[in-house]
Amino acid sequence: MPHKITDACAACGACAAECPAGAISEGDPIYVIDPEKCTDCGTCAEICPMSAIEGEKK
């Protein structure tokens, strides 16, 4: 289940720099996670200073 970046994103880029799968890219206006590349490791959620990343809900 891939993670999702919420509207609380401050577009700082911390998550993209730490993503081992390269699944995060700059969007407009917030960063986005490519669900095809996301391995659901949770690194992005741990590093996000805004707590703007959460696991997708079923």
C-alpha atoms as a PDB file:
ATOM      1  CA  MET A   1       0.000   0.000   0.000  1.00  0.00           C
ATOM      2  CA  PRO A   2       1.855   3.133  -1.171  1.00  0.00           C
ATOM      3  CA  HIS A   3       2.104   6.269   0.899  1.00  0.00           C
ATOM      4  CA  LYS A   4       0.385   9.545   0.024  1.00  0.00           C
ATOM      5  CA  ILE A   5       1.442  13.158   0.549  1.00  0.00           C
ATOM      6  CA  THR A   6      -1.313  15.317   2.021  1.00  0.00           C
ATOM      7  CA  ASP A   7      -2.087  19.003   1.591  1.00  0.00           C
ATOM      8  CA  ALA A   8       0.021  19.706   4.705  1.00  0.00           C
ATOM      9  CA  CYS A   9       3.122  19.356   2.484  1.00  0.00           C
ATOM     10  CA  ALA A  10       5.377  22.415   2.616  1.00  0.00           C
ATOM     11  CA  ALA A  11       7.205  21.349  -0.590  1.00  0.00           C
ATOM     12  CA  CYS A  12      10.565  21.287   1.203  1.00  0.00           C
ATOM     13  CA  GLY A  13      11.840  18.257  -0.718  1.00  0.00           C
ATOM     14  CA  ALA A  14      13.153  16.372   2.318  1.00  0.00           C
ATOM     15  CA  CYS A  15      11.129  13.294   1.413  1.00  0.00           C
ATOM     16  CA  ALA A  16      12.320  13.172  -2.206  1.00  0.00           C
ATOM     17  CA  ALA A  17      15.948  13.329  -1.134  1.00  0.00           C
ATOM     18  CA  GLU A  18      15.499  10.378   1.252  1.00  0.00           C
ATOM     19  CA  CYS A  19      13.291   8.063  -0.855  1.00  0.00           C
ATOM     20  CA  PRO A  20      15.372   4.950  -1.663  1.00  0.00           C
ATOM     21  CA  ALA A  21      13.031   4.006  -4.522  1.00  0.00           C
ATOM     22  CA  GLY A  22      13.057   7.426  -6.204  1.00  0.00           C
ATOM     23  CA  ALA A  23       9.264   7.433  -6.059  1.00  0.00           C
ATOM     24  CA  ILE A  24       8.823  11.073  -4.985  1.00  0.00           C
ATOM     25  CA  SER A  25       8.924  14.021  -7.346  1.00  0.00           C
ATOM     26  CA  GLU A  26       8.070  17.692  -7.243  1.00  0.00           C
ATOM     27  CA  GLY A  27       4.486  18.354  -8.175  1.00  0.00           C
ATOM     28  CA  ASP A  28       2.438  21.511  -8.333  1.00  0.00           C
ATOM     29  CA  PRO A  29       2.024  22.720  -5.629  1.00  0.00           C
ATOM     30  CA  ILE A  30       3.102  19.743  -3.447  1.00  0.00           C
ATOM     31  CA  TYR A  31       5.340  16.722  -3.904  1.00  0.00           C
ATOM     32  CA  VAL A  32       3.777  13.496  -5.202  1.00  0.00           C
ATOM     33  CA  ILE A  33       4.537   9.801  -4.739  1.00  0.00           C
ATOM     34  CA  ASP A  34       4.457   7.472  -7.748  1.00  0.00           C
ATOM     35  CA  PRO A  35       2.483   4.454  -6.469  1.00  0.00           C
ATOM     36  CA  GLU A  36       4.163   2.200  -9.040  1.00  0.00           C
ATOM     37  CA  LYS A  37       7.610   2.956  -7.598  1.00  0.00           C
ATOM     38  CA  CYS A  38       6.711   3.246  -3.896  1.00  0.00           C
ATOM     39  CA  THR A  39       7.892   0.234  -1.877  1.00  0.00           C
ATOM     40  CA  ASP A  40       5.964   1.333   1.247  1.00  0.00           C
ATOM     41  CA  CYS A  41       9.160   1.511   3.322  1.00  0.00           C
ATOM     42  CA  GLY A  42       7.945   4.546   5.292  1.00  0.00           C
ATOM     43  CA  THR A  43      11.218   6.487   5.100  1.00  0.00           C
ATOM     44  CA  CYS A  44       9.420   9.504   3.651  1.00  0.00           C
ATOM     45  CA  ALA A  45       6.873   9.595   6.474  1.00  0.00           C
ATOM     46  CA  GLU A  46       9.635   9.390   9.071  1.00  0.00           C
ATOM     47  CA  ILE A  47      11.659  12.259   7.547  1.00  0.00           C
ATOM     48  CA  CYS A  48       8.771  14.651   6.755  1.00  0.00           C
ATOM     49  CA  PRO A  49       8.990  17.684   9.083  1.00  0.00           C
ATOM     50  CA  MET A  50       5.317  18.510   8.461  1.00  0.00           C
ATOM     51  CA  SER A  51       3.956  14.978   9.091  1.00  0.00           C
ATOM     52  CA  ALA A  52       2.318  15.315   5.687  1.00  0.00           C
ATOM     53  CA  ILE A  53       2.842  11.725   4.532  1.00  0.00           C
ATOM     54  CA  GLU A  54       0.551   8.881   5.452  1.00  0.00           C
ATOM     55  CA  GLY A  55      -0.156   5.334   4.335  1.00  0.00           C
ATOM     56  CA  GLU A  56      -2.985   4.937   1.839  1.00  0.00           C
ATOM     57  CA  LYS A  57      -6.225   3.862   3.438  1.00  0.00           C
ATOM     58  CA  LYS A  58      -8.000   0.821   2.038  1.00  0.00           C
END
